[in-house]
PDB file of N, CA and C in Angstrom:
ATOM      1  N   MET A   1      34.291  -3.112 -15.078  1.00  0.00           N
ATOM      2  CA  MET A   1      34.684  -1.720 -15.009  1.00  0.00           C
ATOM      3  C   MET A   1      33.492  -0.871 -14.570  1.00  0.00           C
ATOM      4  N   THR A   2      33.716   0.033 -13.649  1.00  0.00           N
ATOM      5  CA  THR A   2      32.661   0.883 -13.117  1.00  0.00           C
ATOM      6  C   THR A   2      32.411   2.075 -14.038  1.00  0.00           C
ATOM      7  N   GLU A   3      31.120   2.317 -14.302  1.00  0.00           N
ATOM      8  CA  GLU A   3      30.755   3.460 -15.133  1.00  0.00           C
ATOM      9  C   GLU A   3      30.907   4.744 -14.321  1.00  0.00           C
ATOM     10  N   LYS A   4      31.560   5.736 -14.903  1.00  0.00           N
ATOM     11  CA  LYS A   4      31.759   7.008 -14.215  1.00  0.00           C
ATOM     12  C   LYS A   4      30.451   7.802 -14.226  1.00  0.00           C
ATOM     13  N   LYS A   5      30.039   8.251 -13.071  1.00  0.00           N
ATOM     14  CA  LYS A   5      28.806   9.030 -12.940  1.00  0.00           C
ATOM     15  C   LYS A   5      29.093  10.490 -13.245  1.00  0.00           C
ATOM     16  N   GLN A   6      28.105  11.145 -13.798  1.00  0.00           N
ATOM     17  CA  GLN A   6      28.242  12.553 -14.132  1.00  0.00           C
ATOM     18  C   GLN A   6      28.117  13.400 -12.869  1.00  0.00           C
ATOM     19  N   ARG A   7      28.992  14.330 -12.712  1.00  0.00           N
ATOM     20  CA  ARG A   7      28.994  15.211 -11.550  1.00  0.00           C
ATOM     21  C   ARG A   7      27.903  16.278 -11.701  1.00  0.00           C
ATOM     22  N   LEU A   8      27.230  16.571 -10.612  1.00  0.00           N
ATOM     23  CA  LEU A   8      26.188  17.596 -10.558  1.00  0.00           C
ATOM     24  C   LEU A   8      26.802  18.973 -10.772  1.00  0.00           C
ATOM     25  N   THR A   9      26.138  19.782 -11.577  1.00  0.00           N
ATOM     26  CA  THR A   9      26.596  21.151 -11.810  1.00  0.00           C
ATOM     27  C   THR A   9      25.573  22.138 -11.256  1.00  0.00           C
ATOM     28  N   LEU A  10      25.962  23.387 -11.133  1.00  0.00           N
ATOM     29  CA  LEU A  10      25.014  24.417 -10.681  1.00  0.00           C
ATOM     30  C   LEU A  10      23.866  24.570 -11.677  1.00  0.00           C
ATOM     31  N   ASP A  11      24.170  24.429 -12.954  1.00  0.00           N
ATOM     32  CA  ASP A  11      23.120  24.491 -13.969  1.00  0.00           C
ATOM     33  C   ASP A  11      22.114  23.360 -13.769  1.00  0.00           C
ATOM     34  N   ASP A  12      22.614  22.168 -13.389  1.00  0.00           N
ATOM     35  CA  ASP A  12      21.713  21.048 -13.085  1.00  0.00           C
ATOM     36  C   ASP A  12      20.755  21.408 -11.954  1.00  0.00           C
ATOM     37  N   LEU A  13      21.273  22.063 -10.923  1.00  0.00           N
ATOM     38  CA  LEU A  13      20.442  22.415  -9.769  1.00  0.00           C
ATOM     39  C   LEU A  13      19.246  23.262 -10.170  1.00  0.00           C
ATOM     40  N   VAL A  14      19.471  24.166 -11.099  1.00  0.00           N
ATOM     41  CA  VAL A  14      18.393  25.039 -11.557  1.00  0.00           C
ATOM     42  C   VAL A  14      17.344  24.235 -12.322  1.00  0.00           C
ATOM     43  N   LYS A  15      17.769  23.252 -13.097  1.00  0.00           N
ATOM     44  CA  LYS A  15      16.870  22.502 -13.965  1.00  0.00           C
ATOM     45  C   LYS A  15      16.169  21.334 -13.273  1.00  0.00           C
ATOM     46  N   LEU A  16      16.726  20.836 -12.188  1.00  0.00           N
ATOM     47  CA  LEU A  16      16.159  19.670 -11.521  1.00  0.00           C
ATOM     48  C   LEU A  16      14.836  20.010 -10.835  1.00  0.00           C
ATOM     49  N   PRO A  17      13.925  19.033 -10.728  1.00  0.00           N
ATOM     50  CA  PRO A  17      12.640  19.308 -10.062  1.00  0.00           C
ATOM     51  C   PRO A  17      12.851  19.683  -8.597  1.00  0.00           C
ATOM     52  N   ASN A  18      11.978  20.524  -8.094  1.00  0.00           N
ATOM     53  CA  ASN A  18      12.087  20.980  -6.713  1.00  0.00           C
ATOM     54  C   ASN A  18      11.596  19.921  -5.739  1.00  0.00           C
ATOM     55  N   VAL A  19      10.316  19.780  -5.589  1.00  0.00           N
ATOM     56  CA  VAL A  19       9.751  18.809  -4.656  1.00  0.00           C
ATOM     57  C   VAL A  19       8.574  18.108  -5.321  1.00  0.00           C
ATOM     58  N   GLN A  20       8.285  16.931  -4.834  1.00  0.00           N
ATOM     59  CA  GLN A  20       7.231  16.099  -5.397  1.00  0.00           C
ATOM     60  C   GLN A  20       5.853  16.665  -5.083  1.00  0.00           C
ATOM     61  N   GLU A  21       4.948  16.528  -6.037  1.00  0.00           N
ATOM     62  CA  GLU A  21       3.542  16.859  -5.829  1.00  0.00           C
ATOM     63  C   GLU A  21       2.739  15.572  -5.903  1.00  0.00           C
ATOM     64  N   GLU A  22       1.625  15.545  -5.173  1.00  0.00           N
ATOM     65  CA  GLU A  22       0.815  14.333  -5.118  1.00  0.00           C
ATOM     66  C   GLU A  22      -0.649  14.700  -4.913  1.00  0.00           C
ATOM     67  N   GLU A  23      -1.505  13.949  -5.573  1.00  0.00           N
ATOM     68  CA  GLU A  23      -2.951  14.092  -5.399  1.00  0.00           C
ATOM     69  C   GLU A  23      -3.346  13.272  -4.169  1.00  0.00           C
ATOM     70  N   VAL A  24      -4.067  13.888  -3.236  1.00  0.00           N
ATOM     71  CA  VAL A  24      -4.528  13.193  -2.032  1.00  0.00           C
ATOM     72  C   VAL A  24      -6.046  13.093  -2.102  1.00  0.00           C
ATOM     73  N   PHE A  25      -6.535  11.859  -2.135  1.00  0.00           N
ATOM     74  CA  PHE A  25      -7.970  11.628  -2.178  1.00  0.00           C
ATOM     75  C   PHE A  25      -8.529  11.626  -0.760  1.00  0.00           C
ATOM     76  N   ILE A  26      -9.619  12.363  -0.569  1.00  0.00           N
ATOM     77  CA  ILE A  26     -10.302  12.434   0.727  1.00  0.00           C
ATOM     78  C   ILE A  26     -11.624  11.680   0.569  1.00  0.00           C
ATOM     79  N   PRO A  27     -11.643  10.409   0.997  1.00  0.00           N
ATOM     80  CA  PRO A  27     -12.830   9.581   0.748  1.00  0.00           C
ATOM     81  C   PRO A  27     -14.092  10.116   1.416  1.00  0.00           C
ATOM     82  N   GLN A  28     -13.961  10.756   2.568  1.00  0.00           N
ATOM     83  CA  GLN A  28     -15.140  11.279   3.269  1.00  0.00           C
ATOM     84  C   GLN A  28     -15.865  12.331   2.431  1.00  0.00           C
ATOM     85  N   TRP A  29     -15.130  13.015   1.585  1.00  0.00           N
ATOM     86  CA  TRP A  29     -15.725  14.071   0.766  1.00  0.00           C
ATOM     87  C   TRP A  29     -15.802  13.703  -0.711  1.00  0.00           C
ATOM     88  N   ASP A  30     -15.250  12.547  -1.082  1.00  0.00           N
ATOM     89  CA  ASP A  30     -15.188  12.124  -2.476  1.00  0.00           C
ATOM     90  C   ASP A  30     -14.552  13.214  -3.354  1.00  0.00           C
ATOM     91  N   ARG A  31     -13.490  13.797  -2.825  1.00  0.00           N
ATOM     92  CA  ARG A  31     -12.748  14.868  -3.509  1.00  0.00           C
ATOM     93  C   ARG A  31     -11.260  14.660  -3.252  1.00  0.00           C
ATOM     94  N   SER A  32     -10.448  15.361  -4.022  1.00  0.00           N
ATOM     95  CA  SER A  32      -9.006  15.295  -3.795  1.00  0.00           C
ATOM     96  C   SER A  32      -8.431  16.700  -3.722  1.00  0.00           C
ATOM     97  N   ILE A  33      -7.224  16.765  -3.185  1.00  0.00           N
ATOM     98  CA  ILE A  33      -6.467  18.006  -3.148  1.00  0.00           C
ATOM     99  C   ILE A  33      -5.080  17.702  -3.701  1.00  0.00           C
ATOM    100  N   LEU A  34      -4.400  18.725  -4.175  1.00  0.00           N
ATOM    101  CA  LEU A  34      -3.035  18.579  -4.651  1.00  0.00           C
ATOM    102  C   LEU A  34      -2.104  19.133  -3.579  1.00  0.00           C
ATOM    103  N   VAL A  35      -1.164  18.302  -3.149  1.00  0.00           N
ATOM    104  CA  VAL A  35      -0.209  18.734  -2.129  1.00  0.00           C
ATOM    105  C   VAL A  35       1.206  18.634  -2.677  1.00  0.00           C
ATOM    106  N   ARG A  36       2.092  19.391  -2.065  1.00  0.00           N
ATOM    107  CA  ARG A  36       3.491  19.428  -2.458  1.00  0.00           C
ATOM    108  C   ARG A  36       4.357  19.177  -1.233  1.00  0.00           C
ATOM    109  N   GLY A  37       5.413  18.416  -1.426  1.00  0.00           N
ATOM    110  CA  GLY A  37       6.390  18.228  -0.357  1.00  0.00           C
ATOM    111  C   GLY A  37       7.078  19.552  -0.042  1.00  0.00           C
ATOM    112  N   ILE A  38       7.780  19.584   1.068  1.00  0.00           N
ATOM    113  CA  ILE A  38       8.444  20.829   1.446  1.00  0.00           C
ATOM    114  C   ILE A  38       9.914  20.789   1.055  1.00  0.00           C
ATOM    115  N   SER A  39      10.409  21.954   0.714  1.00  0.00           N
ATOM    116  CA  SER A  39      11.828  22.102   0.401  1.00  0.00           C
ATOM    117  C   SER A  39      12.609  22.267   1.706  1.00  0.00           C
ATOM    118  N   LYS A  40      13.911  22.225   1.623  1.00  0.00           N
ATOM    119  CA  LYS A  40      14.737  22.446   2.810  1.00  0.00           C
ATOM    120  C   LYS A  40      14.509  23.860   3.355  1.00  0.00           C
ATOM    121  N   ALA A  41      14.364  24.830   2.467  1.00  0.00           N
ATOM    122  CA  ALA A  41      14.116  26.209   2.912  1.00  0.00           C
ATOM    123  C   ALA A  41      12.808  26.300   3.702  1.00  0.00           C
ATOM    124  N   THR A  42      11.779  25.615   3.224  1.00  0.00           N
ATOM    125  CA  THR A  42      10.498  25.606   3.933  1.00  0.00           C
ATOM    126  C   THR A  42      10.624  24.861   5.251  1.00  0.00           C
ATOM    127  N   GLN A  43      11.371  23.764   5.257  1.00  0.00           N
ATOM    128  CA  GLN A  43      11.592  23.011   6.488  1.00  0.00           C
ATOM    129  C   GLN A  43      12.245  23.889   7.555  1.00  0.00           C
ATOM    130  N   ILE A  44      13.205  24.688   7.160  1.00  0.00           N
ATOM    131  CA  ILE A  44      13.878  25.604   8.098  1.00  0.00           C
ATOM    132  C   ILE A  44      12.888  26.652   8.597  1.00  0.00           C
ATOM    133  N   LYS A  45      12.110  27.220   7.670  1.00  0.00           N
ATOM    134  CA  LYS A  45      11.109  28.234   8.038  1.00  0.00           C
ATOM    135  C   LYS A  45      10.121  27.671   9.064  1.00  0.00           C
ATOM    136  N   LEU A  46       9.616  26.464   8.804  1.00  0.00           N
ATOM    137  CA  LEU A  46       8.664  25.845   9.725  1.00  0.00           C
ATOM    138  C   LEU A  46       9.336  25.459  11.043  1.00  0.00           C
ATOM    139  N   GLY A  47      10.573  25.019  10.975  1.00  0.00           N
ATOM    140  CA  GLY A  47      11.309  24.670  12.184  1.00  0.00           C
ATOM    141  C   GLY A  47      11.490  25.852  13.115  1.00  0.00           C
ATOM    142  N   ARG A  48      11.627  27.020  12.540  1.00  0.00           N
ATOM    143  CA  ARG A  48      11.782  28.224  13.373  1.00  0.00           C
ATOM    144  C   ARG A  48      10.509  28.529  14.151  1.00  0.00           C
ATOM    145  N   LEU A  49       9.366  28.104  13.630  1.00  0.00           N
ATOM    146  CA  LEU A  49       8.117  28.267  14.377  1.00  0.00           C
ATOM    147  C   LEU A  49       8.146  27.455  15.660  1.00  0.00           C
ATOM    148  N   ILE A  50       8.731  26.268  15.588  1.00  0.00           N
ATOM    149  CA  ILE A  50       8.802  25.395  16.758  1.00  0.00           C
ATOM    150  C   ILE A  50       9.660  26.026  17.851  1.00  0.00           C
ATOM    151  N   GLU A  51      10.717  26.714  17.438  1.00  0.00           N
ATOM    152  CA  GLU A  51      11.645  27.320  18.396  1.00  0.00           C
ATOM    153  C   GLU A  51      11.101  28.610  19.005  1.00  0.00           C
ATOM    154  N   ASN A  52      10.128  29.228  18.350  1.00  0.00           N
ATOM    155  CA  ASN A  52       9.590  30.503  18.796  1.00  0.00           C
ATOM    156  C   ASN A  52       8.590  30.275  19.933  1.00  0.00           C
ATOM    157  N   GLU A  53       8.821  30.905  21.056  1.00  0.00           N
ATOM    158  CA  GLU A  53       7.921  30.683  22.203  1.00  0.00           C
ATOM    159  C   GLU A  53       6.564  31.362  22.038  1.00  0.00           C
ATOM    160  N   ASP A  54       6.398  32.184  20.998  1.00  0.00           N
ATOM    161  CA  ASP A  54       5.111  32.833  20.742  1.00  0.00           C
ATOM    162  C   ASP A  54       4.207  32.006  19.829  1.00  0.00           C
ATOM    163  N   THR A  55       4.685  30.828  19.395  1.00  0.00           N
ATOM    164  CA  THR A  55       3.896  29.981  18.507  1.00  0.00           C
ATOM    165  C   THR A  55       3.691  28.612  19.145  1.00  0.00           C
ATOM    166  N   ASP A  56       2.733  27.885  18.594  1.00  0.00           N
ATOM    167  CA  ASP A  56       2.470  26.533  19.102  1.00  0.00           C
ATOM    168  C   ASP A  56       2.276  25.573  17.936  1.00  0.00           C
ATOM    169  N   ALA A  57       1.904  24.348  18.244  1.00  0.00           N
ATOM    170  CA  ALA A  57       1.756  23.310  17.226  1.00  0.00           C
ATOM    171  C   ALA A  57       0.719  23.685  16.179  1.00  0.00           C
ATOM    172  N   PHE A  58      -0.317  24.401  16.572  1.00  0.00           N
ATOM    173  CA  PHE A  58      -1.350  24.773  15.620  1.00  0.00           C
ATOM    174  C   PHE A  58      -0.843  25.811  14.624  1.00  0.00           C
ATOM    175  N   ASP A  59       0.030  26.716  15.075  1.00  0.00           N
ATOM    176  CA  ASP A  59       0.653  27.669  14.152  1.00  0.00           C
ATOM    177  C   ASP A  59       1.486  26.917  13.122  1.00  0.00           C
ATOM    178  N   TYR A  60       2.232  25.912  13.596  1.00  0.00           N
ATOM    179  CA  TYR A  60       3.045  25.084  12.698  1.00  0.00           C
ATOM    180  C   TYR A  60       2.151  24.386  11.676  1.00  0.00           C
ATOM    181  N   GLN A  61       1.068  23.766  12.140  1.00  0.00           N
ATOM    182  CA  GLN A  61       0.171  23.041  11.245  1.00  0.00           C
ATOM    183  C   GLN A  61      -0.428  23.960  10.186  1.00  0.00           C
ATOM    184  N   LYS A  62      -0.862  25.139  10.597  1.00  0.00           N
ATOM    185  CA  LYS A  62      -1.458  26.070   9.645  1.00  0.00           C
ATOM    186  C   LYS A  62      -0.449  26.497   8.588  1.00  0.00           C
ATOM    187  N   GLU A  63       0.773  26.776   8.997  1.00  0.00           N
ATOM    188  CA  GLU A  63       1.800  27.170   8.039  1.00  0.00           C
ATOM    189  C   GLU A  63       2.147  26.013   7.105  1.00  0.00           C
ATOM    190  N   LEU A  64       2.165  24.792   7.640  1.00  0.00           N
ATOM    191  CA  LEU A  64       2.415  23.621   6.810  1.00  0.00           C
ATOM    192  C   LEU A  64       1.325  23.482   5.745  1.00  0.00           C
ATOM    193  N   LEU A  65       0.070  23.682   6.123  1.00  0.00           N
ATOM    194  CA  LEU A  65      -1.025  23.628   5.150  1.00  0.00           C
ATOM    195  C   LEU A  65      -0.869  24.710   4.087  1.00  0.00           C
ATOM    196  N   LYS A  66      -0.531  25.924   4.502  1.00  0.00           N
ATOM    197  CA  LYS A  66      -0.375  27.016   3.539  1.00  0.00           C
ATOM    198  C   LYS A  66       0.762  26.727   2.557  1.00  0.00           C
ATOM    199  N   GLU A  67       1.834  26.125   3.042  1.00  0.00           N
ATOM    200  CA  GLU A  67       2.986  25.817   2.190  1.00  0.00           C
ATOM    201  C   GLU A  67       2.744  24.599   1.304  1.00  0.00           C
ATOM    202  N   SER A  68       2.004  23.621   1.803  1.00  0.00           N
ATOM    203  CA  SER A  68       1.950  22.315   1.149  1.00  0.00           C
ATOM    204  C   SER A  68       0.719  22.062   0.302  1.00  0.00           C
ATOM    205  N   VAL A  69      -0.407  22.661   0.626  1.00  0.00           N
ATOM    206  CA  VAL A  69      -1.610  22.420  -0.173  1.00  0.00           C
ATOM    207  C   VAL A  69      -1.576  23.385  -1.356  1.00  0.00           C
ATOM    208  N   VAL A  70      -1.429  22.805  -2.542  1.00  0.00           N
ATOM    209  CA  VAL A  70      -1.257  23.591  -3.761  1.00  0.00           C
ATOM    210  C   VAL A  70      -2.593  23.956  -4.390  1.00  0.00           C
ATOM    211  N   ASP A  71      -3.519  22.984  -4.385  1.00  0.00           N
ATOM    212  CA  ASP A  71      -4.819  23.233  -4.989  1.00  0.00           C
ATOM    213  C   ASP A  71      -5.886  22.484  -4.205  1.00  0.00           C
ATOM    214  N   PRO A  72      -6.777  23.177  -3.532  1.00  0.00           N
ATOM    215  CA  PRO A  72      -6.944  24.621  -3.533  1.00  0.00           C
ATOM    216  C   PRO A  72      -5.886  25.297  -2.657  1.00  0.00           C
ATOM    217  N   LYS A  73      -5.469  26.469  -3.044  1.00  0.00           N
ATOM    218  CA  LYS A  73      -4.499  27.229  -2.260  1.00  0.00           C
ATOM    219  C   LYS A  73      -5.196  27.726  -1.000  1.00  0.00           C
ATOM    220  N   LEU A  74      -4.595  27.445   0.164  1.00  0.00           N
ATOM    221  CA  LEU A  74      -5.227  27.794   1.437  1.00  0.00           C
ATOM    222  C   LEU A  74      -4.593  29.039   2.045  1.00  0.00           C
ATOM    223  N   ASP A  75      -5.462  29.916   2.545  1.00  0.00           N
ATOM    224  CA  ASP A  75      -5.009  31.048   3.346  1.00  0.00           C
ATOM    225  C   ASP A  75      -5.598  30.880   4.746  1.00  0.00           C
ATOM    226  N   ASP A  76      -5.375  31.851   5.625  1.00  0.00           N
ATOM    227  CA  ASP A  76      -5.853  31.734   7.005  1.00  0.00           C
ATOM    228  C   ASP A  76      -7.366  31.530   7.073  1.00  0.00           C
ATOM    229  N   ASP A  77      -8.119  32.262   6.249  1.00  0.00           N
ATOM    230  CA  ASP A  77      -9.584  32.126   6.264  1.00  0.00           C
ATOM    231  C   ASP A  77     -10.017  30.737   5.816  1.00  0.00           C
ATOM    232  N   ALA A  78      -9.394  30.217   4.753  1.00  0.00           N
ATOM    233  CA  ALA A  78      -9.738  28.887   4.260  1.00  0.00           C
ATOM    234  C   ALA A  78      -9.386  27.815   5.294  1.00  0.00           C
ATOM    235  N   ILE A  79      -8.272  28.002   5.987  1.00  0.00           N
ATOM    236  CA  ILE A  79      -7.879  27.035   7.015  1.00  0.00           C
ATOM    237  C   ILE A  79      -8.869  27.056   8.171  1.00  0.00           C
ATOM    238  N   GLU A  80      -9.358  28.217   8.536  1.00  0.00           N
ATOM    239  CA  GLU A  80     -10.370  28.291   9.596  1.00  0.00           C
ATOM    240  C   GLU A  80     -11.633  27.536   9.194  1.00  0.00           C
ATOM    241  N   ILE A  81     -12.029  27.649   7.927  1.00  0.00           N
ATOM    242  CA  ILE A  81     -13.184  26.892   7.430  1.00  0.00           C
ATOM    243  C   ILE A  81     -12.871  25.397   7.481  1.00  0.00           C
ATOM    244  N   LEU A  82     -11.699  25.013   7.011  1.00  0.00           N
ATOM    245  CA  LEU A  82     -11.282  23.613   7.028  1.00  0.00           C
ATOM    246  C   LEU A  82     -11.291  23.050   8.440  1.00  0.00           C
ATOM    247  N   TYR A  83     -10.820  23.832   9.401  1.00  0.00           N
ATOM    248  CA  TYR A  83     -10.742  23.363  10.784  1.00  0.00           C
ATOM    249  C   TYR A  83     -12.119  23.201  11.438  1.00  0.00           C
ATOM    250  N   GLN A  84     -13.174  23.692  10.799  1.00  0.00           N
ATOM    251  CA  GLN A  84     -14.534  23.481  11.301  1.00  0.00           C
ATOM    252  C   GLN A  84     -15.100  22.146  10.820  1.00  0.00           C
ATOM    253  N   LYS A  85     -14.363  21.463   9.940  1.00  0.00           N
ATOM    254  CA  LYS A  85     -14.808  20.192   9.369  1.00  0.00           C
ATOM    255  C   LYS A  85     -14.314  19.022  10.215  1.00  0.00           C
ATOM    256  N   ASP A  86     -14.619  17.819   9.768  1.00  0.00           N
ATOM    257  CA  ASP A  86     -14.287  16.575  10.445  1.00  0.00           C
ATOM    258  C   ASP A  86     -12.779  16.493  10.721  1.00  0.00           C
ATOM    259  N   SER A  87     -12.410  16.299  11.980  1.00  0.00           N
ATOM    260  CA  SER A  87     -10.990  16.245  12.344  1.00  0.00           C
ATOM    261  C   SER A  87     -10.286  15.060  11.691  1.00  0.00           C
ATOM    262  N   ALA A  88     -11.011  13.987  11.397  1.00  0.00           N
ATOM    263  CA  ALA A  88     -10.402  12.831  10.728  1.00  0.00           C
ATOM    264  C   ALA A  88      -9.892  13.217   9.340  1.00  0.00           C
ATOM    265  N   VAL A  89     -10.587  14.113   8.668  1.00  0.00           N
ATOM    266  CA  VAL A  89     -10.161  14.571   7.345  1.00  0.00           C
ATOM    267  C   VAL A  89      -8.876  15.379   7.471  1.00  0.00           C
ATOM    268  N   ILE A  90      -8.826  16.287   8.427  1.00  0.00           N
ATOM    269  CA  ILE A  90      -7.638  17.117   8.616  1.00  0.00           C
ATOM    270  C   ILE A  90      -6.454  16.230   8.990  1.00  0.00           C
ATOM    271  N   ASP A  91      -6.686  15.256   9.869  1.00  0.00           N
ATOM    272  CA  ASP A  91      -5.619  14.320  10.246  1.00  0.00           C
ATOM    273  C   ASP A  91      -5.136  13.526   9.042  1.00  0.00           C
ATOM    274  N   LEU A  92      -6.051  13.121   8.164  1.00  0.00           N
ATOM    275  CA  LEU A  92      -5.675  12.410   6.947  1.00  0.00           C
ATOM    276  C   LEU A  92      -4.735  13.263   6.092  1.00  0.00           C
ATOM    277  N   ILE A  93      -5.052  14.536   5.958  1.00  0.00           N
ATOM    278  CA  ILE A  93      -4.197  15.437   5.175  1.00  0.00           C
ATOM    279  C   ILE A  93      -2.802  15.497   5.783  1.00  0.00           C
ATOM    280  N   PHE A  94      -2.722  15.637   7.103  1.00  0.00           N
ATOM    281  CA  PHE A  94      -1.404  15.706   7.749  1.00  0.00           C
ATOM    282  C   PHE A  94      -0.634  14.394   7.622  1.00  0.00           C
ATOM    283  N   VAL A  95      -1.326  13.270   7.719  1.00  0.00           N
ATOM    284  CA  VAL A  95      -0.653  11.976   7.547  1.00  0.00           C
ATOM    285  C   VAL A  95      -0.056  11.890   6.142  1.00  0.00           C
ATOM    286  N   GLU A  96      -0.823  12.296   5.146  1.00  0.00           N
ATOM    287  CA  GLU A  96      -0.330  12.246   3.765  1.00  0.00           C
ATOM    288  C   GLU A  96       0.828  13.222   3.553  1.00  0.00           C
ATOM    289  N   LEU A  97       0.755  14.404   4.160  1.00  0.00           N
ATOM    290  CA  LEU A  97       1.869  15.360   4.060  1.00  0.00           C
ATOM    291  C   LEU A  97       3.122  14.792   4.709  1.00  0.00           C
ATOM    292  N   ASN A  98       2.948  14.147   5.852  1.00  0.00           N
ATOM    293  CA  ASN A  98       4.103  13.554   6.530  1.00  0.00           C
ATOM    294  C   ASN A  98       4.719  12.438   5.698  1.00  0.00           C
ATOM    295  N   LYS A  99       3.888  11.607   5.072  1.00  0.00           N
ATOM    296  CA  LYS A  99       4.408  10.545   4.200  1.00  0.00           C
ATOM    297  C   LYS A  99       5.191  11.149   3.035  1.00  0.00           C
ATOM    298  N   LEU A 100       4.622  12.165   2.425  1.00  0.00           N
ATOM    299  CA  LEU A 100       5.259  12.821   1.284  1.00  0.00           C
ATOM    300  C   LEU A 100       6.610  13.405   1.667  1.00  0.00           C
ATOM    301  N   ASN A 101       6.702  13.899   2.891  1.00  0.00           N
ATOM    302  CA  ASN A 101       7.933  14.527   3.361  1.00  0.00           C
ATOM    303  C   ASN A 101       8.850  13.561   4.108  1.00  0.00           C
ATOM    304  N   GLY A 102       8.488  12.273   4.112  1.00  0.00           N
ATOM    305  CA  GLY A 102       9.346  11.279   4.744  1.00  0.00           C
ATOM    306  C   GLY A 102       9.335  11.316   6.255  1.00  0.00           C
ATOM    307  N   LEU A 103       8.215  11.762   6.833  1.00  0.00           N
ATOM    308  CA  LEU A 103       8.068  11.844   8.280  1.00  0.00           C
ATOM    309  C   LEU A 103       7.003  10.858   8.735  1.00  0.00           C
ATOM    310  N   GLY A 104       7.010  10.517  10.006  1.00  0.00           N
ATOM    311  CA  GLY A 104       5.974   9.652  10.562  1.00  0.00           C
ATOM    312  C   GLY A 104       4.974  10.479  11.340  1.00  0.00           C
ATOM    313  N   GLY A 105       3.961   9.845  11.848  1.00  0.00           N
ATOM    314  CA  GLY A 105       3.012  10.517  12.737  1.00  0.00           C
ATOM    315  C   GLY A 105       1.874  11.175  12.011  1.00  0.00           C
ATOM    316  N   THR A 106       1.127  11.980  12.764  1.00  0.00           N
ATOM    317  CA  THR A 106      -0.092  12.586  12.247  1.00  0.00           C
ATOM    318  C   THR A 106       0.044  14.075  11.996  1.00  0.00           C
ATOM    319  N   GLY A 107       1.220  14.631  12.236  1.00  0.00           N
ATOM    320  CA  GLY A 107       1.367  16.068  12.083  1.00  0.00           C
ATOM    321  C   GLY A 107       1.078  16.791  13.370  1.00  0.00           C
ATOM    322  N   ASP A 108       0.783  16.074  14.446  1.00  0.00           N
ATOM    323  CA  ASP A 108       0.496  16.692  15.733  1.00  0.00           C
ATOM    324  C   ASP A 108       1.812  16.867  16.487  1.00  0.00           C
ATOM    325  N   LEU A 109       2.272  18.097  16.560  1.00  0.00           N
ATOM    326  CA  LEU A 109       3.549  18.379  17.218  1.00  0.00           C
ATOM    327  C   LEU A 109       3.386  18.880  18.626  1.00  0.00           C
ATOM    328  N   ALA A 110       2.208  18.739  19.173  1.00  0.00           N
ATOM    329  CA  ALA A 110       1.939  19.291  20.504  1.00  0.00           C
ATOM    330  C   ALA A 110       2.911  18.793  21.556  1.00  0.00           C
ATOM    331  N   GLU A 111       3.360  17.537  21.416  1.00  0.00           N
ATOM    332  CA  GLU A 111       4.261  16.988  22.423  1.00  0.00           C
ATOM    333  C   GLU A 111       5.626  17.688  22.415  1.00  0.00           C
ATOM    334  N   GLN A 112       5.943  18.445  21.362  1.00  0.00           N
ATOM    335  CA  GLN A 112       7.212  19.144  21.296  1.00  0.00           C
ATOM    336  C   GLN A 112       7.175  20.492  22.007  1.00  0.00           C
ATOM    337  N   PHE A 113       5.989  20.930  22.379  1.00  0.00           N
ATOM    338  CA  PHE A 113       5.850  22.234  23.010  1.00  0.00           C
ATOM    339  C   PHE A 113       5.613  22.051  24.504  1.00  0.00           C
ATOM    340  N   PRO A 114       6.327  22.812  25.328  1.00  0.00           N
ATOM    341  CA  PRO A 114       6.131  22.666  26.788  1.00  0.00           C
ATOM    342  C   PRO A 114       4.755  23.178  27.198  1.00  0.00           C
ATOM    343  N   GLU A 115       4.265  22.616  28.286  1.00  0.00           N
ATOM    344  CA  GLU A 115       2.978  23.084  28.846  1.00  0.00           C
ATOM    345  C   GLU A 115       3.153  24.524  29.307  1.00  0.00           C
ATOM    346  N   GLN A 116       2.150  25.346  29.074  1.00  0.00           N
ATOM    347  CA  GLN A 116       2.213  26.762  29.452  1.00  0.00           C
ATOM    348  C   GLN A 116       1.397  27.012  30.690  1.00  0.00           C
TER     349      GLN A 116
END
């Protein structure tokens, strides 16, 4: 006999966890950061950046960092400082964010944008 599963309620939706958080170790710096997966609402927000002809892959990446890096919390100034560091470290962060969000690749969306 099959066990009847409990149906999801609206109250359940409020109580259920939002998105997974994960500690990402950066061996080059012997430090870690706390990152969070993206929600569907955030995915839509970031997707709209791709469709906007006034933005490019770097705008998408910066917004992804602002949304996903929980600790330390990054703003535009902090991201500019981060982008002056080793590109392998930044790529590592994007790879880990993509894994957390169930995506492949390095976070480089440049191929999705037409040449200008």
